[in-house]
Amino acid sequence: MTDWKVLLANSGIRIQVRRDPLLAQVLGQALSGIQGYLSRLGLPYRLDAQLTRGGEYLIRMRVAYRSQEERDRIWDRAAAILEQARAGRQVHILCGISRLTSVN
């Protein structure tokens, strides 16, 4: 499994992770857990985390899901993994999913 830090997509989030140990802990647990879950599904996927232009932290999943129901189940499980990593701590991270159309 990939080290979660390689999933940090832009310099903004890498800087924030270095500055904020709580953010690093929550993101590390969430990304590792979501990556493990997506790997077990057996569907092609891409996963990363980024700091958006609006200043929000975003875990972005692109998955080759086959139906809207499957997409919803994947998102629900990923959101539960994120909540478990957050464990009630005040770290606001968004979680999004879209269809992976090309696996190149």
PDB file of N, CA and C in Angstrom:
ATOM      1  N   MET A   1       0.849  -1.177   0.000  1.00  0.00           N
ATOM      2  CA  MET A   1       0.000   0.000   0.000  1.00  0.00           C
ATOM      3  C   MET A   1       0.897   1.243   0.000  1.00  0.00           C
ATOM      4  N   THR A   2       0.462   2.248  -0.716  1.00  0.00           N
ATOM      5  CA  THR A   2       1.211   3.485  -0.866  1.00  0.00           C
ATOM      6  C   THR A   2       1.255   4.270   0.440  1.00  0.00           C
ATOM      7  N   ASP A   3       2.406   4.887   0.706  1.00  0.00           N
ATOM      8  CA  ASP A   3       2.510   5.805   1.842  1.00  0.00           C
ATOM      9  C   ASP A   3       1.525   6.947   1.607  1.00  0.00           C
ATOM     10  N   TRP A   4       0.741   7.280   2.592  1.00  0.00           N
ATOM     11  CA  TRP A   4      -0.330   8.266   2.417  1.00  0.00           C
ATOM     12  C   TRP A   4       0.192   9.630   1.998  1.00  0.00           C
ATOM     13  N   LYS A   5       1.409   9.980   2.330  1.00  0.00           N
ATOM     14  CA  LYS A   5       1.914  11.317   1.998  1.00  0.00           C
ATOM     15  C   LYS A   5       2.080  11.529   0.497  1.00  0.00           C
ATOM     16  N   VAL A   6       2.248  10.450  -0.270  1.00  0.00           N
ATOM     17  CA  VAL A   6       2.336  10.621  -1.725  1.00  0.00           C
ATOM     18  C   VAL A   6       0.970  10.940  -2.328  1.00  0.00           C
ATOM     19  N   LEU A   7      -0.086  10.800  -1.549  1.00  0.00           N
ATOM     20  CA  LEU A   7      -1.436  11.118  -2.014  1.00  0.00           C
ATOM     21  C   LEU A   7      -1.779  12.593  -1.835  1.00  0.00           C
ATOM     22  N   LEU A   8      -0.859  13.374  -1.276  1.00  0.00           N
ATOM     23  CA  LEU A   8      -1.083  14.815  -1.106  1.00  0.00           C
ATOM     24  C   LEU A   8      -0.809  15.484  -2.446  1.00  0.00           C
ATOM     25  N   ALA A   9      -1.866  16.021  -3.062  1.00  0.00           N
ATOM     26  CA  ALA A   9      -1.820  16.403  -4.468  1.00  0.00           C
ATOM     27  C   ALA A   9      -1.187  17.755  -4.758  1.00  0.00           C
ATOM     28  N   ASN A  10      -1.130  18.649  -3.792  1.00  0.00           N
ATOM     29  CA  ASN A  10      -0.559  19.964  -4.104  1.00  0.00           C
ATOM     30  C   ASN A  10       0.269  20.487  -2.941  1.00  0.00           C
ATOM     31  N   SER A  11       1.072  21.486  -3.244  1.00  0.00           N
ATOM     32  CA  SER A  11       1.987  22.014  -2.224  1.00  0.00           C
ATOM     33  C   SER A  11       1.230  22.623  -1.050  1.00  0.00           C
ATOM     34  N   GLY A  12       0.052  23.185  -1.300  1.00  0.00           N
ATOM     35  CA  GLY A  12      -0.724  23.790  -0.219  1.00  0.00           C
ATOM     36  C   GLY A  12      -1.042  22.804   0.886  1.00  0.00           C
ATOM     37  N   ILE A  13      -1.489  21.626   0.519  1.00  0.00           N
ATOM     38  CA  ILE A  13      -1.835  20.647   1.556  1.00  0.00           C
ATOM     39  C   ILE A  13      -0.577  20.060   2.188  1.00  0.00           C
ATOM     40  N   ARG A  14       0.488  19.896   1.411  1.00  0.00           N
ATOM     41  CA  ARG A  14       1.737  19.388   2.000  1.00  0.00           C
ATOM     42  C   ARG A  14       2.265  20.348   3.065  1.00  0.00           C
ATOM     43  N   ILE A  15       2.188  21.644   2.797  1.00  0.00           N
ATOM     44  CA  ILE A  15       2.623  22.652   3.774  1.00  0.00           C
ATOM     45  C   ILE A  15       1.758  22.580   5.028  1.00  0.00           C
ATOM     46  N   GLN A  16       0.443  22.494   4.858  1.00  0.00           N
ATOM     47  CA  GLN A  16      -0.470  22.449   6.005  1.00  0.00           C
ATOM     48  C   GLN A  16      -0.240  21.202   6.855  1.00  0.00           C
ATOM     49  N   VAL A  17       0.019  20.078   6.212  1.00  0.00           N
ATOM     50  CA  VAL A  17       0.274  18.831   6.945  1.00  0.00           C
ATOM     51  C   VAL A  17       1.548  18.952   7.776  1.00  0.00           C
ATOM     52  N   ARG A  18       2.572  19.604   7.225  1.00  0.00           N
ATOM     53  CA  ARG A  18       3.812  19.807   7.998  1.00  0.00           C
ATOM     54  C   ARG A  18       3.577  20.724   9.193  1.00  0.00           C
ATOM     55  N   ARG A  19       2.689  21.698   9.052  1.00  0.00           N
ATOM     56  CA  ARG A  19       2.431  22.677  10.118  1.00  0.00           C
ATOM     57  C   ARG A  19       1.462  22.185  11.187  1.00  0.00           C
ATOM     58  N   ASP A  20       0.573  21.277  10.825  1.00  0.00           N
ATOM     59  CA  ASP A  20      -0.531  20.897  11.711  1.00  0.00           C
ATOM     60  C   ASP A  20      -0.506  19.391  11.988  1.00  0.00           C
ATOM     61  N   PRO A  21       0.050  18.978  13.126  1.00  0.00           N
ATOM     62  CA  PRO A  21       0.143  17.548  13.431  1.00  0.00           C
ATOM     63  C   PRO A  21      -1.220  16.852  13.524  1.00  0.00           C
ATOM     64  N   LEU A  22      -2.244  17.553  13.994  1.00  0.00           N
ATOM     65  CA  LEU A  22      -3.573  16.950  14.077  1.00  0.00           C
ATOM     66  C   LEU A  22      -4.123  16.674  12.680  1.00  0.00           C
ATOM     67  N   LEU A  23      -3.988  17.636  11.775  1.00  0.00           N
ATOM     68  CA  LEU A  23      -4.407  17.427  10.386  1.00  0.00           C
ATOM     69  C   LEU A  23      -3.650  16.247   9.787  1.00  0.00           C
ATOM     70  N   ALA A  24      -2.347  16.187  10.022  1.00  0.00           N
ATOM     71  CA  ALA A  24      -1.537  15.090   9.493  1.00  0.00           C
ATOM     72  C   ALA A  24      -2.026  13.743  10.020  1.00  0.00           C
ATOM     73  N   GLN A  25      -2.337  13.683  11.302  1.00  0.00           N
ATOM     74  CA  GLN A  25      -2.799  12.425  11.895  1.00  0.00           C
ATOM     75  C   GLN A  25      -4.134  11.994  11.294  1.00  0.00           C
ATOM     76  N   VAL A  26      -5.084  12.923  11.221  1.00  0.00           N
ATOM     77  CA  VAL A  26      -6.411  12.583  10.701  1.00  0.00           C
ATOM     78  C   VAL A  26      -6.328  12.218   9.221  1.00  0.00           C
ATOM     79  N   LEU A  27      -5.612  13.016   8.429  1.00  0.00           N
ATOM     80  CA  LEU A  27      -5.478  12.711   7.000  1.00  0.00           C
ATOM     81  C   LEU A  27      -4.769  11.380   6.791  1.00  0.00           C
ATOM     82  N   GLY A  28      -3.727  11.130   7.559  1.00  0.00           N
ATOM     83  CA  GLY A  28      -3.007   9.869   7.425  1.00  0.00           C
ATOM     84  C   GLY A  28      -3.891   8.667   7.688  1.00  0.00           C
ATOM     85  N   GLN A  29      -4.649   8.717   8.765  1.00  0.00           N
ATOM     86  CA  GLN A  29      -5.560   7.607   9.088  1.00  0.00           C
ATOM     87  C   GLN A  29      -6.649   7.471   8.028  1.00  0.00           C
ATOM     88  N   ALA A  30      -7.232   8.599   7.621  1.00  0.00           N
ATOM     89  CA  ALA A  30      -8.329   8.558   6.654  1.00  0.00           C
ATOM     90  C   ALA A  30      -7.849   8.059   5.294  1.00  0.00           C
ATOM     91  N   LEU A  31      -6.758   8.617   4.788  1.00  0.00           N
ATOM     92  CA  LEU A  31      -6.266   8.206   3.471  1.00  0.00           C
ATOM     93  C   LEU A  31      -5.834   6.745   3.464  1.00  0.00           C
ATOM     94  N   SER A  32      -5.162   6.304   4.508  1.00  0.00           N
ATOM     95  CA  SER A  32      -4.750   4.900   4.585  1.00  0.00           C
ATOM     96  C   SER A  32      -5.965   3.979   4.619  1.00  0.00           C
ATOM     97  N   GLY A  33      -6.960   4.344   5.413  1.00  0.00           N
ATOM     98  CA  GLY A  33      -8.169   3.530   5.505  1.00  0.00           C
ATOM     99  C   GLY A  33      -8.960   3.504   4.214  1.00  0.00           C
ATOM    100  N   ILE A  34      -9.126   4.663   3.586  1.00  0.00           N
ATOM    101  CA  ILE A  34      -9.878   4.733   2.327  1.00  0.00           C
ATOM    102  C   ILE A  34      -9.125   4.003   1.228  1.00  0.00           C
ATOM    103  N   GLN A  35      -7.809   4.157   1.180  1.00  0.00           N
ATOM    104  CA  GLN A  35      -7.016   3.463   0.171  1.00  0.00           C
ATOM    105  C   GLN A  35      -7.142   1.947   0.329  1.00  0.00           C
ATOM    106  N   GLY A  36      -7.092   1.466   1.554  1.00  0.00           N
ATOM    107  CA  GLY A  36      -7.266   0.037   1.793  1.00  0.00           C
ATOM    108  C   GLY A  36      -8.632  -0.448   1.345  1.00  0.00           C
ATOM    109  N   TYR A  37      -9.661   0.318   1.666  1.00  0.00           N
ATOM    110  CA  TYR A  37     -11.027  -0.034   1.262  1.00  0.00           C
ATOM    111  C   TYR A  37     -11.149  -0.081  -0.259  1.00  0.00           C
ATOM    112  N   LEU A  38     -10.664   0.964  -0.940  1.00  0.00           N
ATOM    113  CA  LEU A  38     -10.763   1.005  -2.400  1.00  0.00           C
ATOM    114  C   LEU A  38      -9.968  -0.133  -3.036  1.00  0.00           C
ATOM    115  N   SER A  39      -8.826  -0.461  -2.486  1.00  0.00           N
ATOM    116  CA  SER A  39      -8.018  -1.570  -3.012  1.00  0.00           C
ATOM    117  C   SER A  39      -8.773  -2.891  -2.909  1.00  0.00           C
ATOM    118  N   ARG A  40      -9.446  -3.094  -1.789  1.00  0.00           N
ATOM    119  CA  ARG A  40     -10.202  -4.343  -1.599  1.00  0.00           C
ATOM    120  C   ARG A  40     -11.402  -4.443  -2.540  1.00  0.00           C
ATOM    121  N   LEU A  41     -11.937  -3.319  -2.980  1.00  0.00           N
ATOM    122  CA  LEU A  41     -13.077  -3.357  -3.899  1.00  0.00           C
ATOM    123  C   LEU A  41     -12.704  -3.972  -5.242  1.00  0.00           C
ATOM    124  N   GLY A  42     -11.457  -3.780  -5.651  1.00  0.00           N
ATOM    125  CA  GLY A  42     -11.018  -4.336  -6.928  1.00  0.00           C
ATOM    126  C   GLY A  42     -11.384  -3.495  -8.137  1.00  0.00           C
ATOM    127  N   LEU A  43     -11.920  -2.308  -7.918  1.00  0.00           N
ATOM    128  CA  LEU A  43     -12.254  -1.405  -9.020  1.00  0.00           C
ATOM    129  C   LEU A  43     -11.083  -0.449  -9.257  1.00  0.00           C
ATOM    130  N   PRO A  44     -10.840  -0.064 -10.510  1.00  0.00           N
ATOM    131  CA  PRO A  44      -9.814   0.954 -10.741  1.00  0.00           C
ATOM    132  C   PRO A  44     -10.187   2.248 -10.006  1.00  0.00           C
ATOM    133  N   TYR A  45      -9.181   2.900  -9.438  1.00  0.00           N
ATOM    134  CA  TYR A  45      -9.447   4.145  -8.710  1.00  0.00           C
ATOM    135  C   TYR A  45      -8.209   5.020  -8.685  1.00  0.00           C
ATOM    136  N   ARG A  46      -8.428   6.273  -8.371  1.00  0.00           N
ATOM    137  CA  ARG A  46      -7.370   7.229  -8.054  1.00  0.00           C
ATOM    138  C   ARG A  46      -7.817   7.944  -6.781  1.00  0.00           C
ATOM    139  N   LEU A  47      -6.868   8.218  -5.917  1.00  0.00           N
ATOM    140  CA  LEU A  47      -7.174   8.837  -4.631  1.00  0.00           C
ATOM    141  C   LEU A  47      -6.133   9.899  -4.356  1.00  0.00           C
ATOM    142  N   ASP A  48      -6.587  11.062  -3.910  1.00  0.00           N
ATOM    143  CA  ASP A  48      -5.645  12.087  -3.471  1.00  0.00           C
ATOM    144  C   ASP A  48      -6.328  13.012  -2.477  1.00  0.00           C
ATOM    145  N   ALA A  49      -5.521  13.856  -1.877  1.00  0.00           N
ATOM    146  CA  ALA A  49      -6.022  14.890  -0.967  1.00  0.00           C
ATOM    147  C   ALA A  49      -5.412  16.200  -1.412  1.00  0.00           C
ATOM    148  N   GLN A  50      -6.196  17.265  -1.313  1.00  0.00           N
ATOM    149  CA  GLN A  50      -5.697  18.554  -1.757  1.00  0.00           C
ATOM    150  C   GLN A  50      -6.283  19.683  -0.934  1.00  0.00           C
ATOM    151  N   LEU A  51      -5.622  20.803  -1.028  1.00  0.00           N
ATOM    152  CA  LEU A  51      -6.133  22.049  -0.478  1.00  0.00           C
ATOM    153  C   LEU A  51      -6.764  22.778  -1.650  1.00  0.00           C
ATOM    154  N   THR A  52      -8.067  23.031  -1.573  1.00  0.00           N
ATOM    155  CA  THR A  52      -8.763  23.669  -2.688  1.00  0.00           C
ATOM    156  C   THR A  52      -8.438  25.157  -2.755  1.00  0.00           C
ATOM    157  N   ARG A  53      -8.798  25.767  -3.870  1.00  0.00           N
ATOM    158  CA  ARG A  53      -8.601  27.216  -4.005  1.00  0.00           C
ATOM    159  C   ARG A  53      -9.359  27.982  -2.935  1.00  0.00           C
ATOM    160  N   GLY A  54     -10.452  27.413  -2.462  1.00  0.00           N
ATOM    161  CA  GLY A  54     -11.238  28.037  -1.406  1.00  0.00           C
ATOM    162  C   GLY A  54     -10.674  27.806  -0.008  1.00  0.00           C
ATOM    163  N   GLY A  55      -9.554  27.085   0.086  1.00  0.00           N
ATOM    164  CA  GLY A  55      -8.914  26.857   1.373  1.00  0.00           C
ATOM    165  C   GLY A  55      -9.460  25.676   2.157  1.00  0.00           C
ATOM    166  N   GLU A  56     -10.201  24.779   1.491  1.00  0.00           N
ATOM    167  CA  GLU A  56     -10.760  23.613   2.173  1.00  0.00           C
ATOM    168  C   GLU A  56      -9.920  22.377   1.877  1.00  0.00           C
ATOM    169  N   TYR A  57      -9.881  21.474   2.838  1.00  0.00           N
ATOM    170  CA  TYR A  57      -9.195  20.203   2.642  1.00  0.00           C
ATOM    171  C   TYR A  57     -10.177  19.241   1.992  1.00  0.00           C
ATOM    172  N   LEU A  58      -9.727  18.536   0.952  1.00  0.00           N
ATOM    173  CA  LEU A  58     -10.601  17.651   0.191  1.00  0.00           C
ATOM    174  C   LEU A  58      -9.906  16.327  -0.080  1.00  0.00           C
ATOM    175  N   ILE A  59     -10.552  15.236   0.310  1.00  0.00           N
ATOM    176  CA  ILE A  59     -10.139  13.903  -0.120  1.00  0.00           C
ATOM    177  C   ILE A  59     -10.960  13.608  -1.367  1.00  0.00           C
ATOM    178  N   ARG A  60     -10.251  13.365  -2.468  1.00  0.00           N
ATOM    179  CA  ARG A  60     -10.927  13.180  -3.758  1.00  0.00           C
ATOM    180  C   ARG A  60     -10.724  11.745  -4.235  1.00  0.00           C
ATOM    181  N   MET A  61     -11.851  11.059  -4.433  1.00  0.00           N
ATOM    182  CA  MET A  61     -11.832   9.696  -4.965  1.00  0.00           C
ATOM    183  C   MET A  61     -12.371   9.732  -6.386  1.00  0.00           C
ATOM    184  N   ARG A  62     -11.647   9.104  -7.289  1.00  0.00           N
ATOM    185  CA  ARG A  62     -12.161   8.872  -8.641  1.00  0.00           C
ATOM    186  C   ARG A  62     -12.163   7.362  -8.815  1.00  0.00           C
ATOM    187  N   VAL A  63     -13.352   6.802  -8.997  1.00  0.00           N
ATOM    188  CA  VAL A  63     -13.533   5.349  -8.964  1.00  0.00           C
ATOM    189  C   VAL A  63     -14.334   4.922 -10.190  1.00  0.00           C
ATOM    190  N   ALA A  64     -13.983   3.782 -10.764  1.00  0.00           N
ATOM    191  CA  ALA A  64     -14.711   3.238 -11.915  1.00  0.00           C
ATOM    192  C   ALA A  64     -15.928   2.448 -11.420  1.00  0.00           C
ATOM    193  N   TYR A  65     -16.820   3.141 -10.734  1.00  0.00           N
ATOM    194  CA  TYR A  65     -18.021   2.476 -10.214  1.00  0.00           C
ATOM    195  C   TYR A  65     -18.978   2.206 -11.370  1.00  0.00           C
ATOM    196  N   ARG A  66     -19.873   1.230 -11.154  1.00  0.00           N
ATOM    197  CA  ARG A  66     -20.750   0.779 -12.233  1.00  0.00           C
ATOM    198  C   ARG A  66     -22.166   1.323 -12.151  1.00  0.00           C
ATOM    199  N   SER A  67     -22.538   1.858 -11.011  1.00  0.00           N
ATOM    200  CA  SER A  67     -23.904   2.362 -10.858  1.00  0.00           C
ATOM    201  C   SER A  67     -23.923   3.464  -9.805  1.00  0.00           C
ATOM    202  N   GLN A  68     -25.013   4.196  -9.798  1.00  0.00           N
ATOM    203  CA  GLN A  68     -25.175   5.248  -8.798  1.00  0.00           C
ATOM    204  C   GLN A  68     -25.234   4.648  -7.393  1.00  0.00           C
ATOM    205  N   GLU A  69     -25.871   3.495  -7.263  1.00  0.00           N
ATOM    206  CA  GLU A  69     -25.960   2.838  -5.961  1.00  0.00           C
ATOM    207  C   GLU A  69     -24.572   2.431  -5.461  1.00  0.00           C
ATOM    208  N   GLU A  70     -23.758   1.900  -6.366  1.00  0.00           N
ATOM    209  CA  GLU A  70     -22.396   1.523  -5.982  1.00  0.00           C
ATOM    210  C   GLU A  70     -21.599   2.762  -5.580  1.00  0.00           C
ATOM    211  N   ARG A  71     -21.749   3.835  -6.329  1.00  0.00           N
ATOM    212  CA  ARG A  71     -21.082   5.099  -5.986  1.00  0.00           C
ATOM    213  C   ARG A  71     -21.480   5.552  -4.590  1.00  0.00           C
ATOM    214  N   ASP A  72     -22.774   5.514  -4.302  1.00  0.00           N
ATOM    215  CA  ASP A  72     -23.258   5.952  -2.994  1.00  0.00           C
ATOM    216  C   ASP A  72     -22.712   5.083  -1.864  1.00  0.00           C
ATOM    217  N   ARG A  73     -22.639   3.763  -2.085  1.00  0.00           N
ATOM    218  CA  ARG A  73     -22.082   2.858  -1.063  1.00  0.00           C
ATOM    219  C   ARG A  73     -20.603   3.155  -0.818  1.00  0.00           C
ATOM    220  N   ILE A  74     -19.865   3.391  -1.895  1.00  0.00           N
ATOM    221  CA  ILE A  74     -18.434   3.696  -1.757  1.00  0.00           C
ATOM    222  C   ILE A  74     -18.254   4.996  -0.988  1.00  0.00           C
ATOM    223  N   TRP A  75     -19.020   6.024  -1.355  1.00  0.00           N
ATOM    224  CA  TRP A  75     -18.897   7.312  -0.665  1.00  0.00           C
ATOM    225  C   TRP A  75     -19.282   7.173   0.812  1.00  0.00           C
ATOM    226  N   ASP A  76     -20.370   6.460   1.090  1.00  0.00           N
ATOM    227  CA  ASP A  76     -20.797   6.274   2.483  1.00  0.00           C
ATOM    228  C   ASP A  76     -19.704   5.614   3.314  1.00  0.00           C
ATOM    229  N   ARG A  77     -19.074   4.588   2.765  1.00  0.00           N
ATOM    230  CA  ARG A  77     -18.021   3.887   3.515  1.00  0.00           C
ATOM    231  C   ARG A  77     -16.800   4.786   3.702  1.00  0.00           C
ATOM    232  N   ALA A  78     -16.414   5.515   2.662  1.00  0.00           N
ATOM    233  CA  ALA A  78     -15.269   6.427   2.775  1.00  0.00           C
ATOM    234  C   ALA A  78     -15.548   7.518   3.803  1.00  0.00           C
ATOM    235  N   ALA A  79     -16.764   8.044   3.801  1.00  0.00           N
ATOM    236  CA  ALA A  79     -17.128   9.075   4.784  1.00  0.00           C
ATOM    237  C   ALA A  79     -17.078   8.509   6.202  1.00  0.00           C
ATOM    238  N   ALA A  80     -17.485   7.258   6.371  1.00  0.00           N
ATOM    239  CA  ALA A  80     -17.419   6.625   7.696  1.00  0.00           C
ATOM    240  C   ALA A  80     -15.964   6.440   8.135  1.00  0.00           C
ATOM    241  N   ILE A  81     -15.093   6.077   7.204  1.00  0.00           N
ATOM    242  CA  ILE A  81     -13.666   5.940   7.518  1.00  0.00           C
ATOM    243  C   ILE A  81     -13.098   7.291   7.933  1.00  0.00           C
ATOM    244  N   LEU A  82     -13.471   8.344   7.219  1.00  0.00           N
ATOM    245  CA  LEU A  82     -13.016   9.696   7.563  1.00  0.00           C
ATOM    246  C   LEU A  82     -13.520  10.098   8.946  1.00  0.00           C
ATOM    247  N   GLU A  83     -14.775   9.841   9.239  1.00  0.00           N
ATOM    248  CA  GLU A  83     -15.327  10.179  10.558  1.00  0.00           C
ATOM    249  C   GLU A  83     -14.622   9.415  11.670  1.00  0.00           C
ATOM    250  N   GLN A  84     -14.314   8.160  11.415  1.00  0.00           N
ATOM    251  CA  GLN A  84     -13.597   7.360  12.413  1.00  0.00           C
ATOM    252  C   GLN A  84     -12.207   7.950  12.652  1.00  0.00           C
ATOM    253  N   ALA A  85     -11.542   8.376  11.590  1.00  0.00           N
ATOM    254  CA  ALA A  85     -10.213   8.995  11.734  1.00  0.00           C
ATOM    255  C   ALA A  85     -10.312  10.322  12.478  1.00  0.00           C
ATOM    256  N   ARG A  86     -11.367  11.059  12.215  1.00  0.00           N
ATOM    257  CA  ARG A  86     -11.566  12.361  12.866  1.00  0.00           C
ATOM    258  C   ARG A  86     -11.838  12.184  14.354  1.00  0.00           C
ATOM    259  N   ALA A  87     -12.576  11.170  14.717  1.00  0.00           N
ATOM    260  CA  ALA A  87     -12.859  10.815  16.119  1.00  0.00           C
ATOM    261  C   ALA A  87     -13.328  12.010  16.945  1.00  0.00           C
ATOM    262  N   GLY A  88     -14.203  12.819  16.383  1.00  0.00           N
ATOM    263  CA  GLY A  88     -14.769  13.943  17.121  1.00  0.00           C
ATOM    264  C   GLY A  88     -13.890  15.170  17.198  1.00  0.00           C
ATOM    265  N   ARG A  89     -12.687  15.087  16.649  1.00  0.00           N
ATOM    266  CA  ARG A  89     -11.782  16.242  16.689  1.00  0.00           C
ATOM    267  C   ARG A  89     -12.185  17.255  15.623  1.00  0.00           C
ATOM    268  N   GLN A  90     -11.897  18.497  15.877  1.00  0.00           N
ATOM    269  CA  GLN A  90     -12.320  19.594  15.000  1.00  0.00           C
ATOM    270  C   GLN A  90     -11.354  19.768  13.826  1.00  0.00           C
ATOM    271  N   VAL A  91     -11.396  18.816  12.916  1.00  0.00           N
ATOM    272  CA  VAL A  91     -10.633  18.881  11.675  1.00  0.00           C
ATOM    273  C   VAL A  91     -11.647  18.726  10.556  1.00  0.00           C
ATOM    274  N   HIS A  92     -11.820  19.779   9.752  1.00  0.00           N
ATOM    275  CA  HIS A  92     -12.841  19.762   8.710  1.00  0.00           C
ATOM    276  C   HIS A  92     -12.210  19.338   7.387  1.00  0.00           C
ATOM    277  N   ILE A  93     -12.601  18.159   6.903  1.00  0.00           N
ATOM    278  CA  ILE A  93     -12.097  17.623   5.640  1.00  0.00           C
ATOM    279  C   ILE A  93     -13.303  17.157   4.836  1.00  0.00           C
ATOM    280  N   LEU A  94     -13.397  17.623   3.600  1.00  0.00           N
ATOM    281  CA  LEU A  94     -14.456  17.190   2.702  1.00  0.00           C
ATOM    282  C   LEU A  94     -14.046  15.887   2.024  1.00  0.00           C
ATOM    283  N   CYS A  95     -15.030  15.136   1.566  1.00  0.00           N
ATOM    284  CA  CYS A  95     -14.773  13.877   0.872  1.00  0.00           C
ATOM    285  C   CYS A  95     -15.660  13.851  -0.363  1.00  0.00           C
ATOM    286  N   GLY A  96     -15.051  13.678  -1.534  1.00  0.00           N
ATOM    287  CA  GLY A  96     -15.820  13.682  -2.771  1.00  0.00           C
ATOM    288  C   GLY A  96     -15.510  12.470  -3.627  1.00  0.00           C
ATOM    289  N   ILE A  97     -16.463  12.127  -4.485  1.00  0.00           N
ATOM    290  CA  ILE A  97     -16.282  10.993  -5.390  1.00  0.00           C
ATOM    291  C   ILE A  97     -16.789  11.384  -6.768  1.00  0.00           C
ATOM    292  N   SER A  98     -16.076  10.924  -7.780  1.00  0.00           N
ATOM    293  CA  SER A  98     -16.519  11.079  -9.159  1.00  0.00           C
ATOM    294  C   SER A  98     -16.105   9.824  -9.920  1.00  0.00           C
ATOM    295  N   ARG A  99     -16.646   9.688 -11.120  1.00  0.00           N
ATOM    296  CA  ARG A  99     -16.364   8.495 -11.913  1.00  0.00           C
ATOM    297  C   ARG A  99     -14.995   8.605 -12.568  1.00  0.00           C
ATOM    298  N   LEU A 100     -14.240   7.547 -12.459  1.00  0.00           N
ATOM    299  CA  LEU A 100     -12.963   7.436 -13.157  1.00  0.00           C
ATOM    300  C   LEU A 100     -13.272   6.901 -14.546  1.00  0.00           C
ATOM    301  N   THR A 101     -13.044   7.719 -15.547  1.00  0.00           N
ATOM    302  CA  THR A 101     -13.402   7.317 -16.910  1.00  0.00           C
ATOM    303  C   THR A 101     -12.229   6.730 -17.677  1.00  0.00           C
ATOM    304  N   SER A 102     -11.013   7.052 -17.280  1.00  0.00           N
ATOM    305  CA  SER A 102      -9.830   6.532 -17.950  1.00  0.00           C
ATOM    306  C   SER A 102      -8.869   6.022 -16.894  1.00  0.00           C
ATOM    307  N   VAL A 103      -8.337   4.832 -17.092  1.00  0.00           N
ATOM    308  CA  VAL A 103      -7.424   4.261 -16.110  1.00  0.00           C
ATOM    309  C   VAL A 103      -5.969   4.392 -16.544  1.00  0.00           C
ATOM    310  N   ASN A 104      -5.692   5.205 -17.516  1.00  0.00           N
ATOM    311  CA  ASN A 104      -4.305   5.413 -17.985  1.00  0.00           C
ATOM    312  C   ASN A 104      -3.509   6.201 -17.003  1.00  0.00           C
TER     313      ASN A 104
END
